[in-house]
PDB file of N, CA and C in Angstrom:
ATOM      1  N   UNK A   1     111.258 113.643 101.578  1.00  0.00           N
ATOM      2  CA  UNK A   1     111.114 112.458 102.392  1.00  0.00           C
ATOM      3  C   UNK A   1     109.813 111.742 102.079  1.00  0.00           C
ATOM      4  N   UNK A   2     109.908 110.438 101.942  1.00  0.00           N
ATOM      5  CA  UNK A   2     108.741 109.605 101.704  1.00  0.00           C
ATOM      6  C   UNK A   2     108.653 108.566 102.810  1.00  0.00           C
ATOM      7  N   UNK A   3     107.464 108.349 103.302  1.00  0.00           N
ATOM      8  CA  UNK A   3     107.251 107.312 104.309  1.00  0.00           C
ATOM      9  C   UNK A   3     106.193 106.337 103.823  1.00  0.00           C
ATOM     10  N   UNK A   4     106.483 105.078 104.037  1.00  0.00           N
ATOM     11  CA  UNK A   4     105.504 104.021 103.831  1.00  0.00           C
ATOM     12  C   UNK A   4     105.287 103.361 105.185  1.00  0.00           C
ATOM     13  N   UNK A   5     104.053 103.327 105.623  1.00  0.00           N
ATOM     14  CA  UNK A   5     103.757 102.783 106.942  1.00  0.00           C
ATOM     15  C   UNK A   5     102.728 101.678 106.800  1.00  0.00           C
ATOM     16  N   UNK A   6     103.135 100.482 107.241  1.00  0.00           N
ATOM     17  CA  UNK A   6     102.217  99.351 107.246  1.00  0.00           C
ATOM     18  C   UNK A   6     101.537  99.252 108.607  1.00  0.00           C
ATOM     19  N   UNK A   7     100.336  98.712 108.603  1.00  0.00           N
ATOM     20  CA  UNK A   7      99.627  98.468 109.857  1.00  0.00           C
ATOM     21  C   UNK A   7      98.705  97.278 109.674  1.00  0.00           C
ATOM     22  N   UNK A   8      98.267  96.725 110.807  1.00  0.00           N
ATOM     23  CA  UNK A   8      97.291  95.644 110.764  1.00  0.00           C
ATOM     24  C   UNK A   8      97.855  94.263 111.024  1.00  0.00           C
ATOM     25  N   UNK A   9      99.152  94.146 111.207  1.00  0.00           N
ATOM     26  CA  UNK A   9      99.725  92.845 111.487  1.00  0.00           C
ATOM     27  C   UNK A   9      99.417  92.396 112.902  1.00  0.00           C
ATOM     28  N   UNK A  10      99.777  91.138 113.180  1.00  0.00           N
ATOM     29  CA  UNK A  10      99.564  90.615 114.517  1.00  0.00           C
ATOM     30  C   UNK A  10      99.526  89.111 114.520  1.00  0.00           C
ATOM     31  N   UNK A  11      99.013  88.584 115.611  1.00  0.00           N
ATOM     32  CA  UNK A  11      98.890  87.134 115.801  1.00  0.00           C
ATOM     33  C   UNK A  11      97.484  86.696 115.424  1.00  0.00           C
ATOM     34  N   UNK A  12      97.399  85.664 114.625  1.00  0.00           N
ATOM     35  CA  UNK A  12      96.101  85.135 114.211  1.00  0.00           C
ATOM     36  C   UNK A  12      96.165  83.619 114.207  1.00  0.00           C
ATOM     37  N   UNK A  13      95.062  82.987 114.500  1.00  0.00           N
ATOM     38  CA  UNK A  13      95.012  81.533 114.505  1.00  0.00           C
ATOM     39  C   UNK A  13      94.914  80.994 113.078  1.00  0.00           C
ATOM     40  N   UNK A  14      95.366  79.785 112.870  1.00  0.00           N
ATOM     41  CA  UNK A  14      95.208  79.176 111.533  1.00  0.00           C
ATOM     42  C   UNK A  14      93.753  79.208 111.091  1.00  0.00           C
ATOM     43  N   UNK A  15      93.560  79.549 109.834  1.00  0.00           N
ATOM     44  CA  UNK A  15      92.211  79.697 109.303  1.00  0.00           C
ATOM     45  C   UNK A  15      91.645  81.087 109.450  1.00  0.00           C
ATOM     46  N   UNK A  16      92.337  81.930 110.193  1.00  0.00           N
ATOM     47  CA  UNK A  16      91.850  83.286 110.436  1.00  0.00           C
ATOM     48  C   UNK A  16      92.186  84.243 109.314  1.00  0.00           C
ATOM     49  N   UNK A  17      91.789  85.493 109.530  1.00  0.00           N
ATOM     50  CA  UNK A  17      91.977  86.543 108.532  1.00  0.00           C
ATOM     51  C   UNK A  17      92.636  87.762 109.155  1.00  0.00           C
ATOM     52  N   UNK A  18      93.327  88.501 108.307  1.00  0.00           N
ATOM     53  CA  UNK A  18      93.900  89.789 108.687  1.00  0.00           C
ATOM     54  C   UNK A  18      93.811  90.725 107.498  1.00  0.00           C
ATOM     55  N   UNK A  19      93.750  91.999 107.792  1.00  0.00           N
ATOM     56  CA  UNK A  19      93.768  93.013 106.737  1.00  0.00           C
ATOM     57  C   UNK A  19      94.900  93.987 107.032  1.00  0.00           C
ATOM     58  N   UNK A  20      95.846  94.030 106.135  1.00  0.00           N
ATOM     59  CA  UNK A  20      96.962  94.955 106.271  1.00  0.00           C
ATOM     60  C   UNK A  20      96.685  96.219 105.462  1.00  0.00           C
ATOM     61  N   UNK A  21      97.220  97.314 105.964  1.00  0.00           N
ATOM     62  CA  UNK A  21      97.125  98.582 105.252  1.00  0.00           C
ATOM     63  C   UNK A  21      98.518  99.155 105.061  1.00  0.00           C
ATOM     64  N   UNK A  22      98.664  99.923 103.995  1.00  0.00           N
ATOM     65  CA  UNK A  22      99.902 100.638 103.745  1.00  0.00           C
ATOM     66  C   UNK A  22      99.548 102.059 103.337  1.00  0.00           C
ATOM     67  N   UNK A  23     100.145 103.015 104.010  1.00  0.00           N
ATOM     68  CA  UNK A  23      99.921 104.419 103.699  1.00  0.00           C
ATOM     69  C   UNK A  23     101.224 105.061 103.266  1.00  0.00           C
ATOM     70  N   UNK A  24     101.199 105.684 102.111  1.00  0.00           N
ATOM     71  CA  UNK A  24     102.358 106.421 101.619  1.00  0.00           C
ATOM     72  C   UNK A  24     102.128 107.906 101.854  1.00  0.00           C
ATOM     73  N   UNK A  25     103.159 108.571 102.342  1.00  0.00           N
ATOM     74  CA  UNK A  25     103.025 109.999 102.620  1.00  0.00           C
ATOM     75  C   UNK A  25     104.364 110.687 102.422  1.00  0.00           C
ATOM     76  N   UNK A  26     104.333 112.017 102.470  1.00  0.00           N
ATOM     77  CA  UNK A  26     105.556 112.782 102.317  1.00  0.00           C
ATOM     78  C   UNK A  26     105.613 113.467 100.973  1.00  0.00           C
ATOM     79  N   UNK A  27     106.822 113.622 100.474  1.00  0.00           N
ATOM     80  CA  UNK A  27     107.055 114.362  99.229  1.00  0.00           C
ATOM     81  C   UNK A  27     106.788 113.477  98.016  1.00  0.00           C
ATOM     82  N   UNK A  28     105.523 113.293  97.719  1.00  0.00           N
ATOM     83  CA  UNK A  28     105.116 112.428  96.610  1.00  0.00           C
ATOM     84  C   UNK A  28     104.642 113.291  95.454  1.00  0.00           C
ATOM     85  N   UNK A  29     105.409 113.294  94.369  1.00  0.00           N
ATOM     86  CA  UNK A  29     104.980 113.979  93.156  1.00  0.00           C
ATOM     87  C   UNK A  29     104.069 113.058  92.353  1.00  0.00           C
ATOM     88  N   UNK A  30     104.499 111.811  92.225  1.00  0.00           N
ATOM     89  CA  UNK A  30     103.658 110.814  91.574  1.00  0.00           C
ATOM     90  C   UNK A  30     104.004 109.432  92.104  1.00  0.00           C
ATOM     91  N   UNK A  31     102.990 108.623  92.216  1.00  0.00           N
ATOM     92  CA  UNK A  31     103.143 107.254  92.712  1.00  0.00           C
ATOM     93  C   UNK A  31     102.609 106.338  91.624  1.00  0.00           C
ATOM     94  N   UNK A  32     103.479 105.509  91.071  1.00  0.00           N
ATOM     95  CA  UNK A  32     103.071 104.722  89.912  1.00  0.00           C
ATOM     96  C   UNK A  32     102.693 103.298  90.253  1.00  0.00           C
ATOM     97  N   UNK A  33     103.172 102.798  91.372  1.00  0.00           N
ATOM     98  CA  UNK A  33     102.885 101.404  91.693  1.00  0.00           C
ATOM     99  C   UNK A  33     103.059 101.160  93.184  1.00  0.00           C
ATOM    100  N   UNK A  34     102.203 100.313  93.739  1.00  0.00           N
ATOM    101  CA  UNK A  34     102.362  99.827  95.104  1.00  0.00           C
ATOM    102  C   UNK A  34     102.192  98.321  95.097  1.00  0.00           C
ATOM    103  N   UNK A  35     102.969  97.651  95.935  1.00  0.00           N
ATOM    104  CA  UNK A  35     102.872  96.200  96.004  1.00  0.00           C
ATOM    105  C   UNK A  35     103.216  95.685  97.383  1.00  0.00           C
ATOM    106  N   UNK A  36     102.883  94.449  97.626  1.00  0.00           N
ATOM    107  CA  UNK A  36     103.183  93.791  98.901  1.00  0.00           C
ATOM    108  C   UNK A  36     104.241  92.711  98.681  1.00  0.00           C
ATOM    109  N   UNK A  37     105.155  92.644  99.631  1.00  0.00           N
ATOM    110  CA  UNK A  37     106.143  91.579  99.680  1.00  0.00           C
ATOM    111  C   UNK A  37     106.125  90.994 101.085  1.00  0.00           C
ATOM    112  N   UNK A  38     106.668  89.805 101.207  1.00  0.00           N
ATOM    113  CA  UNK A  38     106.795  89.215 102.535  1.00  0.00           C
ATOM    114  C   UNK A  38     108.115  88.467 102.642  1.00  0.00           C
ATOM    115  N   UNK A  39     108.579  88.362 103.874  1.00  0.00           N
ATOM    116  CA  UNK A  39     109.823  87.650 104.127  1.00  0.00           C
ATOM    117  C   UNK A  39     109.680  86.817 105.378  1.00  0.00           C
ATOM    118  N   UNK A  40     109.739  85.515 105.195  1.00  0.00           N
ATOM    119  CA  UNK A  40     109.681  84.581 106.317  1.00  0.00           C
ATOM    120  C   UNK A  40     111.091  84.386 106.874  1.00  0.00           C
ATOM    121  N   UNK A  41     111.200  83.948 108.114  1.00  0.00           N
ATOM    122  CA  UNK A  41     112.525  83.729 108.719  1.00  0.00           C
ATOM    123  C   UNK A  41     113.382  82.797 107.868  1.00  0.00           C
ATOM    124  N   UNK A  42     114.578  83.232 107.548  1.00  0.00           N
ATOM    125  CA  UNK A  42     115.495  82.423 106.774  1.00  0.00           C
ATOM    126  C   UNK A  42     115.188  82.336 105.298  1.00  0.00           C
ATOM    127  N   UNK A  43     114.193  83.100 104.857  1.00  0.00           N
ATOM    128  CA  UNK A  43     113.792  83.052 103.451  1.00  0.00           C
ATOM    129  C   UNK A  43     114.056  84.395 102.773  1.00  0.00           C
ATOM    130  N   UNK A  44     114.071  84.358 101.439  1.00  0.00           N
ATOM    131  CA  UNK A  44     114.203  85.601 100.692  1.00  0.00           C
ATOM    132  C   UNK A  44     112.867  86.328 100.657  1.00  0.00           C
ATOM    133  N   UNK A  45     112.952  87.633 100.474  1.00  0.00           N
ATOM    134  CA  UNK A  45     111.735  88.413 100.339  1.00  0.00           C
ATOM    135  C   UNK A  45     111.048  88.021  99.017  1.00  0.00           C
ATOM    136  N   UNK A  46     109.733  87.851  99.090  1.00  0.00           N
ATOM    137  CA  UNK A  46     109.002  87.424  97.910  1.00  0.00           C
ATOM    138  C   UNK A  46     107.768  88.284  97.680  1.00  0.00           C
ATOM    139  N   UNK A  47     107.375  88.380  96.443  1.00  0.00           N
ATOM    140  CA  UNK A  47     106.193  89.151  96.082  1.00  0.00           C
ATOM    141  C   UNK A  47     104.937  88.423  96.549  1.00  0.00           C
ATOM    142  N   UNK A  48     104.010  89.179  97.081  1.00  0.00           N
ATOM    143  CA  UNK A  48     102.696  88.645  97.436  1.00  0.00           C
ATOM    144  C   UNK A  48     101.759  88.944  96.276  1.00  0.00           C
ATOM    145  N   UNK A  49     101.259  87.903  95.676  1.00  0.00           N
ATOM    146  CA  UNK A  49     100.372  88.076  94.520  1.00  0.00           C
ATOM    147  C   UNK A  49      98.930  87.827  94.923  1.00  0.00           C
ATOM    148  N   UNK A  50      98.043  88.429  94.193  1.00  0.00           N
ATOM    149  CA  UNK A  50      96.625  88.171  94.413  1.00  0.00           C
ATOM    150  C   UNK A  50      96.331  86.703  94.150  1.00  0.00           C
ATOM    151  N   UNK A  51      95.532  86.100  95.034  1.00  0.00           N
ATOM    152  CA  UNK A  51      95.190  84.690  94.905  1.00  0.00           C
ATOM    153  C   UNK A  51      93.832  84.488  95.557  1.00  0.00           C
ATOM    154  N   UNK A  52      93.464  83.230  95.718  1.00  0.00           N
ATOM    155  CA  UNK A  52      92.198  82.950  96.412  1.00  0.00           C
ATOM    156  C   UNK A  52      92.302  83.336  97.880  1.00  0.00           C
ATOM    157  N   UNK A  53      93.526  83.374  98.405  1.00  0.00           N
ATOM    158  CA  UNK A  53      93.733  83.736  99.815  1.00  0.00           C
ATOM    159  C   UNK A  53      94.024  85.209 100.013  1.00  0.00           C
ATOM    160  N   UNK A  54      94.704  85.807  99.065  1.00  0.00           N
ATOM    161  CA  UNK A  54      95.179  87.179  99.218  1.00  0.00           C
ATOM    162  C   UNK A  54      94.510  88.105  98.198  1.00  0.00           C
ATOM    163  N   UNK A  55      93.911  89.159  98.705  1.00  0.00           N
ATOM    164  CA  UNK A  55      93.307  90.156  97.831  1.00  0.00           C
ATOM    165  C   UNK A  55      93.986  91.496  98.066  1.00  0.00           C
ATOM    166  N   UNK A  56      94.541  92.034  96.998  1.00  0.00           N
ATOM    167  CA  UNK A  56      95.223  93.320  97.086  1.00  0.00           C
ATOM    168  C   UNK A  56      94.344  94.384  96.455  1.00  0.00           C
ATOM    169  N   UNK A  57      94.162  95.467  97.170  1.00  0.00           N
ATOM    170  CA  UNK A  57      93.431  96.599  96.616  1.00  0.00           C
ATOM    171  C   UNK A  57      94.271  97.864  96.790  1.00  0.00           C
ATOM    172  N   UNK A  58      94.118  98.749  95.834  1.00  0.00           N
ATOM    173  CA  UNK A  58      94.918  99.975  95.834  1.00  0.00           C
ATOM    174  C   UNK A  58      94.015 101.184  95.623  1.00  0.00           C
ATOM    175  N   UNK A  59      94.291 102.231  96.336  1.00  0.00           N
ATOM    176  CA  UNK A  59      93.596 103.500  96.161  1.00  0.00           C
ATOM    177  C   UNK A  59      94.675 104.546  95.908  1.00  0.00           C
ATOM    178  N   UNK A  60      95.027 104.705  94.643  1.00  0.00           N
ATOM    179  CA  UNK A  60      96.124 105.614  94.320  1.00  0.00           C
ATOM    180  C   UNK A  60      95.762 107.077  94.579  1.00  0.00           C
ATOM    181  N   UNK A  61      94.492 107.373  94.580  1.00  0.00           N
ATOM    182  CA  UNK A  61      94.091 108.752  94.883  1.00  0.00           C
ATOM    183  C   UNK A  61      94.441 109.112  96.324  1.00  0.00           C
ATOM    184  N   UNK A  62      94.441 108.100  97.184  1.00  0.00           N
ATOM    185  CA  UNK A  62      94.755 108.325  98.594  1.00  0.00           C
ATOM    186  C   UNK A  62      96.131 107.789  98.976  1.00  0.00           C
ATOM    187  N   UNK A  63      96.860 107.275  98.002  1.00  0.00           N
ATOM    188  CA  UNK A  63      98.180 106.678  98.274  1.00  0.00           C
ATOM    189  C   UNK A  63      98.069 105.565  99.315  1.00  0.00           C
ATOM    190  N   UNK A  64      97.063 104.728  99.163  1.00  0.00           N
ATOM    191  CA  UNK A  64      96.811 103.656 100.107  1.00  0.00           C
ATOM    192  C   UNK A  64      96.761 102.311  99.378  1.00  0.00           C
ATOM    193  N   UNK A  65      97.106 101.274 100.119  1.00  0.00           N
ATOM    194  CA  UNK A  65      97.015  99.925  99.597  1.00  0.00           C
ATOM    195  C   UNK A  65      96.620  99.004 100.736  1.00  0.00           C
ATOM    196  N   UNK A  66      95.902  97.935 100.393  1.00  0.00           N
ATOM    197  CA  UNK A  66      95.415  97.010 101.401  1.00  0.00           C
ATOM    198  C   UNK A  66      95.712  95.577 100.962  1.00  0.00           C
ATOM    199  N   UNK A  67      95.858  94.720 101.966  1.00  0.00           N
ATOM    200  CA  UNK A  67      96.035  93.292 101.702  1.00  0.00           C
ATOM    201  C   UNK A  67      95.081  92.542 102.618  1.00  0.00           C
ATOM    202  N   UNK A  68      94.065  91.954 102.017  1.00  0.00           N
ATOM    203  CA  UNK A  68      93.139  91.106 102.759  1.00  0.00           C
ATOM    204  C   UNK A  68      93.635  89.677 102.674  1.00  0.00           C
ATOM    205  N   UNK A  69      93.896  89.094 103.826  1.00  0.00           N
ATOM    206  CA  UNK A  69      94.422  87.734 103.884  1.00  0.00           C
ATOM    207  C   UNK A  69      93.425  86.837 104.594  1.00  0.00           C
ATOM    208  N   UNK A  70      93.026  85.768 103.948  1.00  0.00           N
ATOM    209  CA  UNK A  70      92.050  84.830 104.497  1.00  0.00           C
ATOM    210  C   UNK A  70      92.644  83.428 104.562  1.00  0.00           C
ATOM    211  N   UNK A  71      92.006  82.602 105.355  1.00  0.00           N
ATOM    212  CA  UNK A  71      92.426  81.198 105.463  1.00  0.00           C
ATOM    213  C   UNK A  71      93.930  81.083 105.712  1.00  0.00           C
ATOM    214  N   UNK A  72      94.402  81.836 106.641  1.00  0.00           N
ATOM    215  CA  UNK A  72      95.844  81.887 106.883  1.00  0.00           C
ATOM    216  C   UNK A  72      96.374  80.596 107.482  1.00  0.00           C
ATOM    217  N   UNK A  73      97.601  80.282 107.102  1.00  0.00           N
ATOM    218  CA  UNK A  73      98.272  79.088 107.580  1.00  0.00           C
ATOM    219  C   UNK A  73      99.580  79.483 108.260  1.00  0.00           C
ATOM    220  N   UNK A  74     100.116  78.601 109.083  1.00  0.00           N
ATOM    221  CA  UNK A  74     101.396  78.923 109.734  1.00  0.00           C
ATOM    222  C   UNK A  74     102.490  79.307 108.735  1.00  0.00           C
ATOM    223  N   UNK A  75     102.460  78.756 107.548  1.00  0.00           N
ATOM    224  CA  UNK A  75     103.490  79.090 106.560  1.00  0.00           C
ATOM    225  C   UNK A  75     103.329  80.494 105.991  1.00  0.00           C
ATOM    226  N   UNK A  76     102.247  81.158 106.328  1.00  0.00           N
ATOM    227  CA  UNK A  76     102.078  82.563 105.940  1.00  0.00           C
ATOM    228  C   UNK A  76     102.755  83.504 106.935  1.00  0.00           C
ATOM    229  N   UNK A  77     103.288  82.949 108.010  1.00  0.00           N
ATOM    230  CA  UNK A  77     104.001  83.757 108.989  1.00  0.00           C
ATOM    231  C   UNK A  77     105.202  84.418 108.340  1.00  0.00           C
ATOM    232  N   UNK A  78     105.260  85.731 108.461  1.00  0.00           N
ATOM    233  CA  UNK A  78     106.325  86.489 107.816  1.00  0.00           C
ATOM    234  C   UNK A  78     106.198  87.953 108.209  1.00  0.00           C
ATOM    235  N   UNK A  79     107.212  88.713 107.856  1.00  0.00           N
ATOM    236  CA  UNK A  79     107.100  90.163 107.908  1.00  0.00           C
ATOM    237  C   UNK A  79     106.600  90.608 106.543  1.00  0.00           C
ATOM    238  N   UNK A  80     105.541  91.384 106.549  1.00  0.00           N
ATOM    239  CA  UNK A  80     104.931  91.849 105.305  1.00  0.00           C
ATOM    240  C   UNK A  80     105.333  93.304 105.073  1.00  0.00           C
ATOM    241  N   UNK A  81     105.858  93.542 103.878  1.00  0.00           N
ATOM    242  CA  UNK A  81     106.400  94.851 103.534  1.00  0.00           C
ATOM    243  C   UNK A  81     105.579  95.502 102.422  1.00  0.00           C
ATOM    244  N   UNK A  82     105.441  96.799 102.535  1.00  0.00           N
ATOM    245  CA  UNK A  82     104.826  97.607 101.504  1.00  0.00           C
ATOM    246  C   UNK A  82     105.940  98.184 100.623  1.00  0.00           C
ATOM    247  N   UNK A  83     105.712  98.174  99.323  1.00  0.00           N
ATOM    248  CA  UNK A  83     106.670  98.704  98.353  1.00  0.00           C
ATOM    249  C   UNK A  83     105.938  99.712  97.469  1.00  0.00           C
ATOM    250  N   UNK A  84     106.643 100.767  97.114  1.00  0.00           N
ATOM    251  CA  UNK A  84     106.053 101.744  96.204  1.00  0.00           C
ATOM    252  C   UNK A  84     107.113 102.330  95.285  1.00  0.00           C
ATOM    253  N   UNK A  85     106.679 102.667  94.096  1.00  0.00           N
ATOM    254  CA  UNK A  85     107.526 103.307  93.093  1.00  0.00           C
ATOM    255  C   UNK A  85     107.062 104.762  93.021  1.00  0.00           C
ATOM    256  N   UNK A  86     107.923 105.680  93.439  1.00  0.00           N
ATOM    257  CA  UNK A  86     107.508 107.074  93.663  1.00  0.00           C
ATOM    258  C   UNK A  86     108.505 108.046  93.065  1.00  0.00           C
ATOM    259  N   UNK A  87     107.949 109.094  92.448  1.00  0.00           N
ATOM    260  CA  UNK A  87     108.751 110.251  92.062  1.00  0.00           C
ATOM    261  C   UNK A  87     108.494 111.340  93.088  1.00  0.00           C
ATOM    262  N   UNK A  88     109.572 111.953  93.570  1.00  0.00           N
ATOM    263  CA  UNK A  88     109.408 112.997  94.581  1.00  0.00           C
ATOM    264  C   UNK A  88     109.348 114.398  93.981  1.00  0.00           C
ATOM    265  N   UNK A  89     109.677 114.494  92.689  1.00  0.00           N
ATOM    266  CA  UNK A  89     109.531 115.776  92.000  1.00  0.00           C
ATOM    267  C   UNK A  89     109.566 115.521  90.501  1.00  0.00           C
ATOM    268  N   UNK A  90     109.220 116.532  89.737  1.00  0.00           N
ATOM    269  CA  UNK A  90     109.221 116.420  88.283  1.00  0.00           C
ATOM    270  C   UNK A  90     110.635 116.206  87.745  1.00  0.00           C
ATOM    271  N   UNK A  91     111.620 116.658  88.499  1.00  0.00           N
ATOM    272  CA  UNK A  91     112.993 116.652  88.003  1.00  0.00           C
ATOM    273  C   UNK A  91     113.726 115.330  88.230  1.00  0.00           C
ATOM    274  N   UNK A  92     113.140 114.418  88.979  1.00  0.00           N
ATOM    275  CA  UNK A  92     113.850 113.176  89.282  1.00  0.00           C
ATOM    276  C   UNK A  92     113.069 111.974  88.765  1.00  0.00           C
ATOM    277  N   UNK A  93     113.789 110.892  88.540  1.00  0.00           N
ATOM    278  CA  UNK A  93     113.128 109.664  88.133  1.00  0.00           C
ATOM    279  C   UNK A  93     112.540 108.976  89.355  1.00  0.00           C
ATOM    280  N   UNK A  94     111.704 108.014  89.112  1.00  0.00           N
ATOM    281  CA  UNK A  94     111.076 107.285  90.211  1.00  0.00           C
ATOM    282  C   UNK A  94     112.099 106.421  90.938  1.00  0.00           C
ATOM    283  N   UNK A  95     111.872 106.277  92.233  1.00  0.00           N
ATOM    284  CA  UNK A  95     112.721 105.431  93.072  1.00  0.00           C
ATOM    285  C   UNK A  95     111.856 104.433  93.817  1.00  0.00           C
ATOM    286  N   UNK A  96     112.526 103.404  94.323  1.00  0.00           N
ATOM    287  CA  UNK A  96     111.830 102.382  95.098  1.00  0.00           C
ATOM    288  C   UNK A  96     111.846 102.748  96.573  1.00  0.00           C
ATOM    289  N   UNK A  97     110.702 102.580  97.202  1.00  0.00           N
ATOM    290  CA  UNK A  97     110.591 102.829  98.640  1.00  0.00           C
ATOM    291  C   UNK A  97     109.955 101.620  99.323  1.00  0.00           C
ATOM    292  N   UNK A  98     110.416 101.393 100.556  1.00  0.00           N
ATOM    293  CA  UNK A  98     109.922 100.275 101.346  1.00  0.00           C
ATOM    294  C   UNK A  98     109.462 100.751 102.713  1.00  0.00           C
ATOM    295  N   UNK A  99     108.431 100.090 103.212  1.00  0.00           N
ATOM    296  CA  UNK A  99     108.036 100.324 104.584  1.00  0.00           C
ATOM    297  C   UNK A  99     108.900  99.506 105.527  1.00  0.00           C
ATOM    298  N   UNK A 100     108.679  99.698 106.806  1.00  0.00           N
ATOM    299  CA  UNK A 100     109.456  98.986 107.824  1.00  0.00           C
ATOM    300  C   UNK A 100     108.977  97.557 108.017  1.00  0.00           C
ATOM    301  N   UNK A 101     107.795  97.269 107.552  1.00  0.00           N
ATOM    302  CA  UNK A 101     107.262  95.925 107.665  1.00  0.00           C
ATOM    303  C   UNK A 101     106.361  95.761 108.870  1.00  0.00           C
ATOM    304  N   UNK A 102     105.434  94.829 108.751  1.00  0.00           N
ATOM    305  CA  UNK A 102     104.554  94.484 109.870  1.00  0.00           C
ATOM    306  C   UNK A 102     104.545  92.965 110.009  1.00  0.00           C
ATOM    307  N   UNK A 103     104.690  92.513 111.240  1.00  0.00           N
ATOM    308  CA  UNK A 103     104.794  91.075 111.504  1.00  0.00           C
ATOM    309  C   UNK A 103     103.412  90.431 111.483  1.00  0.00           C
ATOM    310  N   UNK A 104     103.308  89.349 110.751  1.00  0.00           N
ATOM    311  CA  UNK A 104     102.111  88.516 110.767  1.00  0.00           C
ATOM    312  C   UNK A 104     102.531  87.131 111.248  1.00  0.00           C
ATOM    313  N   UNK A 105     101.908  86.694 112.324  1.00  0.00           N
ATOM    314  CA  UNK A 105     102.207  85.383 112.894  1.00  0.00           C
ATOM    315  C   UNK A 105     100.935  84.558 112.923  1.00  0.00           C
ATOM    316  N   UNK A 106     100.998  83.403 112.290  1.00  0.00           N
ATOM    317  CA  UNK A 106      99.847  82.512 112.246  1.00  0.00           C
ATOM    318  C   UNK A 106     100.168  81.298 113.115  1.00  0.00           C
ATOM    319  N   UNK A 107      99.497  81.224 114.232  1.00  0.00           N
ATOM    320  CA  UNK A 107      99.806  80.169 115.195  1.00  0.00           C
ATOM    321  C   UNK A 107      98.629  79.945 116.113  1.00  0.00           C
ATOM    322  N   UNK A 108      98.475  78.705 116.561  1.00  0.00           N
ATOM    323  CA  UNK A 108      97.436  78.403 117.538  1.00  0.00           C
ATOM    324  C   UNK A 108      98.003  78.501 118.952  1.00  0.00           C
TER     325      UNK A 108
END
C-alpha cells in the first residue's frame, strides 16, 4: 500500500501565498518522480510547472514534495493533487499514484 497525502490547502486572498506539502508513505521500494497537478471546476487536470509564481521542491530522501505558490489569483482556484511514480518492490514495475487532493481557493 502506498499513500500520498497533500496538506496546506485552504482559502487565501488574491495576491496571497500558500505552501502545499505532499508526503509519500507505505510500501515504497523506489520513488522516481513526484509532481503536482491541479484541476479547476469543469476543467481537465493539468500539470503544475515551476514558474515565477510556483516553486516546486522535492526531497526524495524523505519522500516529500512542496509547492510554494505566490501572488495567487482567483484563477488558481483548484484542487491540487500530488502524483508520484513508485515501485513497491524489486519484482514490479513502477506505477502511478495520486493523492486525494487539497482544495485551494483564492477569493476575497
